N, C-alpha and C. Protein backbone atom coordinates (compact mmCIF):
# COMPACT_ATOMS: atom_id res chain seq x y z
N MET A 1 102.63 122.23 97.56
CA MET A 1 102.28 120.97 98.17
C MET A 1 102.71 119.84 97.24
N THR A 2 103.39 118.88 97.77
CA THR A 2 103.89 117.75 96.99
C THR A 2 103.06 116.51 97.32
N THR A 3 102.68 115.81 96.29
CA THR A 3 101.93 114.57 96.48
C THR A 3 102.86 113.39 96.23
N ARG A 4 102.86 112.48 97.14
CA ARG A 4 103.67 111.28 96.99
C ARG A 4 102.76 110.08 96.81
N SER A 5 103.19 109.20 95.96
CA SER A 5 102.44 107.96 95.79
C SER A 5 103.34 106.80 96.17
N ILE A 6 102.73 105.81 96.75
CA ILE A 6 103.45 104.62 97.17
C ILE A 6 102.90 103.46 96.35
N SER A 7 103.77 102.73 95.72
CA SER A 7 103.32 101.57 94.94
C SER A 7 103.91 100.31 95.54
N PHE A 8 103.14 99.27 95.50
CA PHE A 8 103.57 97.98 95.99
C PHE A 8 103.57 97.02 94.81
N PRO A 9 104.73 96.64 94.34
CA PRO A 9 104.77 95.74 93.19
C PRO A 9 104.19 94.38 93.55
N LEU A 10 103.36 93.87 92.68
CA LEU A 10 102.73 92.57 92.90
C LEU A 10 103.26 91.58 91.88
N SER A 11 103.45 90.36 92.31
CA SER A 11 103.88 89.32 91.38
C SER A 11 102.69 88.89 90.53
N VAL A 12 102.97 88.14 89.49
CA VAL A 12 101.91 87.68 88.60
C VAL A 12 100.94 86.78 89.36
N SER A 13 101.45 85.92 90.22
CA SER A 13 100.56 85.03 90.97
C SER A 13 99.66 85.81 91.93
N GLN A 14 100.18 86.89 92.50
CA GLN A 14 99.35 87.72 93.38
C GLN A 14 98.27 88.44 92.58
N ARG A 15 98.61 88.91 91.40
CA ARG A 15 97.61 89.56 90.54
C ARG A 15 96.53 88.59 90.11
N ILE A 16 96.91 87.36 89.79
CA ILE A 16 95.94 86.35 89.41
C ILE A 16 95.02 86.03 90.59
N ALA A 17 95.59 85.91 91.78
CA ALA A 17 94.78 85.62 92.97
C ALA A 17 93.79 86.74 93.26
N ILE A 18 94.24 87.97 93.15
CA ILE A 18 93.35 89.12 93.38
C ILE A 18 92.26 89.17 92.31
N GLY A 19 92.62 88.91 91.07
CA GLY A 19 91.63 88.90 89.99
C GLY A 19 90.59 87.81 90.18
N ALA A 20 91.04 86.61 90.59
CA ALA A 20 90.11 85.51 90.83
C ALA A 20 89.17 85.84 91.99
N LEU A 21 89.70 86.45 93.04
CA LEU A 21 88.87 86.85 94.17
C LEU A 21 87.81 87.87 93.74
N CYS A 22 88.21 88.83 92.94
CA CYS A 22 87.26 89.84 92.45
C CYS A 22 86.18 89.22 91.57
N LEU A 23 86.57 88.28 90.71
CA LEU A 23 85.58 87.60 89.88
C LEU A 23 84.61 86.78 90.73
N PHE A 24 85.12 86.09 91.74
CA PHE A 24 84.26 85.30 92.62
C PHE A 24 83.29 86.20 93.37
N LEU A 25 83.80 87.30 93.91
CA LEU A 25 82.95 88.23 94.65
C LEU A 25 81.87 88.83 93.74
N GLY A 26 82.26 89.22 92.53
CA GLY A 26 81.29 89.78 91.58
C GLY A 26 80.22 88.77 91.19
N ALA A 27 80.64 87.53 90.96
CA ALA A 27 79.68 86.48 90.61
C ALA A 27 78.73 86.22 91.77
N PHE A 28 79.26 86.18 92.98
CA PHE A 28 78.39 85.97 94.14
C PHE A 28 77.38 87.09 94.28
N LEU A 29 77.84 88.33 94.12
CA LEU A 29 76.91 89.45 94.26
C LEU A 29 75.85 89.43 93.18
N THR A 30 76.24 89.05 91.96
CA THR A 30 75.27 89.04 90.86
C THR A 30 74.26 87.90 91.03
N TRP A 31 74.75 86.69 91.24
CA TRP A 31 73.85 85.55 91.31
C TRP A 31 73.34 85.30 92.71
N GLY A 32 74.16 85.49 93.71
CA GLY A 32 73.72 85.26 95.09
C GLY A 32 72.63 86.21 95.51
N VAL A 33 72.83 87.48 95.25
CA VAL A 33 71.81 88.47 95.59
C VAL A 33 70.67 88.41 94.57
N GLY A 34 71.00 88.10 93.33
CA GLY A 34 69.97 88.04 92.29
C GLY A 34 68.93 86.97 92.54
N MET A 35 69.33 85.88 93.16
CA MET A 35 68.41 84.78 93.43
C MET A 35 67.92 84.77 94.89
N ALA A 36 68.24 85.81 95.64
CA ALA A 36 67.86 85.86 97.05
C ALA A 36 66.35 85.99 97.21
N GLN A 37 65.84 85.37 98.22
CA GLN A 37 64.40 85.45 98.51
C GLN A 37 64.06 86.60 99.43
N ASP A 38 65.06 87.16 100.10
CA ASP A 38 64.83 88.28 101.02
C ASP A 38 64.49 89.53 100.21
N SER A 39 63.36 90.14 100.47
CA SER A 39 62.93 91.29 99.68
C SER A 39 63.84 92.50 99.84
N ARG A 40 64.50 92.64 100.99
CA ARG A 40 65.40 93.77 101.18
C ARG A 40 66.59 93.68 100.24
N MET A 41 67.17 92.47 100.12
CA MET A 41 68.30 92.30 99.20
C MET A 41 67.83 92.43 97.76
N HIS A 42 66.67 91.90 97.46
CA HIS A 42 66.11 92.00 96.11
C HIS A 42 65.93 93.45 95.72
N ASN A 43 65.31 94.24 96.57
CA ASN A 43 65.04 95.63 96.25
C ASN A 43 66.30 96.47 96.20
N ALA A 44 67.32 96.13 96.99
CA ALA A 44 68.56 96.90 97.00
C ALA A 44 69.30 96.79 95.68
N ALA A 45 69.18 95.66 95.01
CA ALA A 45 69.94 95.45 93.78
C ALA A 45 69.03 95.37 92.55
N HIS A 46 67.77 95.67 92.70
CA HIS A 46 66.79 95.48 91.64
C HIS A 46 67.13 96.22 90.35
N ASP A 47 67.31 97.51 90.42
CA ASP A 47 67.55 98.30 89.21
C ASP A 47 68.89 97.95 88.55
N THR A 48 69.89 97.67 89.35
CA THR A 48 71.19 97.31 88.80
C THR A 48 71.10 95.99 88.05
N ARG A 49 70.41 95.02 88.61
CA ARG A 49 70.27 93.73 87.93
C ARG A 49 69.57 93.90 86.60
N HIS A 50 68.51 94.68 86.56
CA HIS A 50 67.79 94.87 85.30
C HIS A 50 68.64 95.66 84.31
N ALA A 51 69.47 96.58 84.79
CA ALA A 51 70.32 97.38 83.89
C ALA A 51 71.36 96.51 83.17
N ILE A 52 71.83 95.45 83.84
CA ILE A 52 72.81 94.57 83.20
C ILE A 52 72.14 93.37 82.53
N GLY A 53 70.83 93.34 82.52
CA GLY A 53 70.10 92.29 81.82
C GLY A 53 69.93 91.00 82.62
N PHE A 54 70.02 91.07 83.93
CA PHE A 54 69.86 89.89 84.77
C PHE A 54 68.41 89.80 85.23
N PRO A 55 67.69 88.78 84.80
CA PRO A 55 66.28 88.69 85.20
C PRO A 55 66.14 88.28 86.67
N CYS A 56 65.19 88.84 87.33
CA CYS A 56 64.99 88.47 88.73
C CYS A 56 63.55 88.08 89.03
N HIS A 57 62.65 88.24 88.07
CA HIS A 57 61.29 87.76 88.28
C HIS A 57 60.59 87.60 86.97
């Protein structure tokens, strides 16, 4: 069985855009969910926030 991989070369500007999007999404998930008042969102991310040192209460 032969495995083939397909690569799509990205330009530097595309890599920067993807990196910025990932940073924005990560920041939103950390602070947006971290400061959420909804108990379901709070409980879903509770242990992870404490593991990375993010206070939530």
